[in-house]
């Protein structure tokens, strides 16, 4: 199963640790207006309105490490949350920067390590409508092969 199809499968997303009890269906596809949001507060409210309040609560817990890792500058372990895939960054990049665990990637730069960090497939992905048309040809070929 590909990383994209695993992100659209409810069982894989739940097994990865995401809290999506309030979501009715996957994938989450939003309109392109989200790309022009430039405030963290607006993105947070949008994610809460999508039903991801439990997921944002899970991400707020930051694990503090002790020992050698702390001494080497790796003192905080931040969980991976939703990935937002957009076609254009019209300000959403600055807004997502301060949300713990929420990552933003352009559809042209999307790769497997974004969709399956730590080689564990099933990351929660929020797609914008126009991001599907901007996916790279390599990813589209892989999706077509897995669909047939």
Protein backbone atom coordinates (compact mmCIF):
# COMPACT_ATOMS: atom_id res chain seq x y z
CA UNK A 1 0.00 0.00 0.00
CA UNK A 2 1.35 3.42 -0.86
CA UNK A 3 1.85 6.20 1.67
CA UNK A 4 -0.87 8.32 0.03
CA UNK A 5 -3.45 5.55 0.12
CA UNK A 6 -2.50 4.74 3.73
CA UNK A 7 -3.15 8.37 4.68
CA UNK A 8 -6.67 7.96 3.30
CA UNK A 9 -7.34 4.76 5.24
CA UNK A 10 -8.91 5.33 8.66
CA UNK A 11 -7.36 2.24 10.28
CA UNK A 12 -3.80 3.17 9.28
CA UNK A 13 -4.24 6.75 10.54
CA UNK A 14 -5.61 5.59 13.91
CA UNK A 15 -2.88 2.94 14.29
CA UNK A 16 -0.25 5.63 13.73
CA UNK A 17 -1.55 7.40 16.84
CA UNK A 18 -3.66 10.24 15.45
CA UNK A 19 -6.83 11.06 17.39
CA UNK A 20 -9.51 11.36 14.75
CA UNK A 21 -12.60 10.19 16.62
CA UNK A 22 -14.67 13.18 15.45
CA UNK A 23 -13.84 12.78 11.76
CA UNK A 24 -16.45 11.14 9.59
CA UNK A 25 -14.39 10.45 6.51
CA UNK A 26 -10.89 10.70 5.10
CA UNK A 27 -9.20 12.34 3.19
CA UNK A 28 -9.69 15.86 4.47
CA UNK A 29 -10.00 18.18 1.48
CA UNK A 30 -10.43 21.91 2.12
CA UNK A 31 -10.94 24.86 -0.20
CA UNK A 32 -7.98 26.88 -1.44
CA UNK A 33 -8.80 29.88 0.78
CA UNK A 34 -6.81 28.25 3.57
CA UNK A 35 -3.61 29.00 1.63
CA UNK A 36 -4.05 32.74 2.16
CA UNK A 37 -4.47 32.50 5.95
CA UNK A 38 -1.48 34.14 7.59
CA UNK A 39 -2.30 33.90 11.30
CA UNK A 40 -1.69 30.88 13.51
CA UNK A 41 -4.96 31.52 15.32
CA UNK A 42 -6.91 31.18 12.06
CA UNK A 43 -5.23 27.89 11.15
CA UNK A 44 -5.83 26.53 14.66
CA UNK A 45 -9.55 27.44 14.45
CA UNK A 46 -9.80 25.86 11.00
CA UNK A 47 -8.27 22.60 12.25
CA UNK A 48 -10.63 22.61 15.26
CA UNK A 49 -13.61 23.17 12.95
CA UNK A 50 -12.46 20.21 10.87
CA UNK A 51 -12.73 18.04 14.00
CA UNK A 52 -9.06 17.88 14.94
CA UNK A 53 -9.32 19.34 18.45
CA UNK A 54 -8.27 16.04 20.08
CA UNK A 55 -5.32 15.82 17.70
CA UNK A 56 -4.13 19.34 18.58
CA UNK A 57 -4.47 18.46 22.26
CA UNK A 58 -2.28 15.37 21.72
CA UNK A 59 0.37 17.52 20.02
CA UNK A 60 0.58 19.98 22.90
CA UNK A 61 2.39 17.40 25.05
CA UNK A 62 6.12 17.85 24.48
CA UNK A 63 8.34 15.13 25.92
CA UNK A 64 11.50 16.41 27.58
CA UNK A 65 14.48 14.10 27.31
CA UNK A 66 17.31 13.75 29.77
CA UNK A 67 20.85 12.54 29.40
CA UNK A 68 23.14 12.73 26.38
CA UNK A 69 20.42 13.72 23.94
CA UNK A 70 19.65 16.81 25.99
CA UNK A 71 23.32 17.73 26.16
CA UNK A 72 23.58 17.43 22.38
CA UNK A 73 20.68 19.79 21.72
CA UNK A 74 17.88 17.26 21.22
CA UNK A 75 16.06 17.86 24.46
CA UNK A 76 12.49 18.02 23.13
CA UNK A 77 10.58 15.35 21.28
CA UNK A 78 7.66 16.81 19.33
CA UNK A 79 5.00 14.47 17.96
CA UNK A 80 4.06 14.51 14.28
CA UNK A 81 0.57 15.84 13.64
CA UNK A 82 -1.37 16.68 10.52
CA UNK A 83 0.40 17.45 7.28
CA UNK A 84 -1.11 20.26 5.20
CA UNK A 85 -0.51 19.89 1.47
CA UNK A 86 -1.08 23.08 -0.52
CA UNK A 87 -0.36 24.27 -4.04
CA UNK A 88 0.72 27.85 -3.24
CA UNK A 89 2.07 29.38 -0.05
CA UNK A 90 0.18 32.67 0.18
CA UNK A 91 0.89 33.11 3.90
CA UNK A 92 -0.05 29.74 5.35
CA UNK A 93 3.63 28.85 5.83
CA UNK A 94 4.09 31.59 8.41
CA UNK A 95 0.87 30.58 10.16
CA UNK A 96 1.76 26.88 10.44
CA UNK A 97 5.27 27.58 11.68
CA UNK A 98 4.19 28.06 15.30
CA UNK A 99 1.82 25.08 15.55
CA UNK A 100 3.57 22.14 17.22
CA UNK A 101 3.63 19.04 15.05
CA UNK A 102 1.73 20.58 12.12
CA UNK A 103 3.80 20.55 8.93
CA UNK A 104 3.18 22.27 5.61
CA UNK A 105 4.49 21.10 2.26
CA UNK A 106 3.98 22.23 -1.30
CA UNK A 107 2.38 19.57 -3.51
CA UNK A 108 5.31 19.74 -5.95
CA UNK A 109 7.77 18.99 -3.14
CA UNK A 110 5.75 16.19 -1.52
CA UNK A 111 7.75 13.04 -0.83
CA UNK A 112 7.37 9.77 1.04
CA UNK A 113 9.17 10.96 4.17
CA UNK A 114 6.53 13.69 4.57
CA UNK A 115 3.67 11.19 4.25
CA UNK A 116 5.27 8.42 6.30
CA UNK A 117 7.74 9.87 8.82
CA UNK A 118 9.83 7.18 10.44
CA UNK A 119 8.70 4.80 7.65
CA UNK A 120 5.34 4.40 9.37
CA UNK A 121 2.53 5.04 6.89
CA UNK A 122 -0.79 6.58 7.82
CA UNK A 123 -0.11 10.24 8.57
CA UNK A 124 -3.13 12.50 8.81
CA UNK A 125 -3.12 14.74 5.72
CA UNK A 126 -5.19 17.85 5.00
CA UNK A 127 -5.28 18.49 1.24
CA UNK A 128 -6.25 21.70 -0.51
CA UNK A 129 -8.42 21.31 -3.57
CA UNK A 130 -5.81 22.55 -6.04
CA UNK A 131 -2.97 20.50 -4.54
CA UNK A 132 -4.08 17.38 -6.41
CA UNK A 133 -3.48 19.07 -9.75
CA UNK A 134 0.04 20.08 -8.68
CA UNK A 135 1.27 16.68 -7.51
CA UNK A 136 4.45 15.62 -9.22
CA UNK A 137 4.19 13.10 -12.04
CA UNK A 138 6.19 10.46 -10.11
CA UNK A 139 3.65 10.39 -7.29
CA UNK A 140 0.71 10.27 -9.71
CA UNK A 141 2.27 7.28 -11.49
CA UNK A 142 2.70 5.46 -8.18
CA UNK A 143 -0.92 6.13 -7.22
CA UNK A 144 -2.15 4.85 -10.61
CA UNK A 145 -0.08 1.67 -10.29
CA UNK A 146 -1.45 0.94 -6.81
CA UNK A 147 -5.02 1.68 -7.92
CA UNK A 148 -4.91 -0.91 -10.69
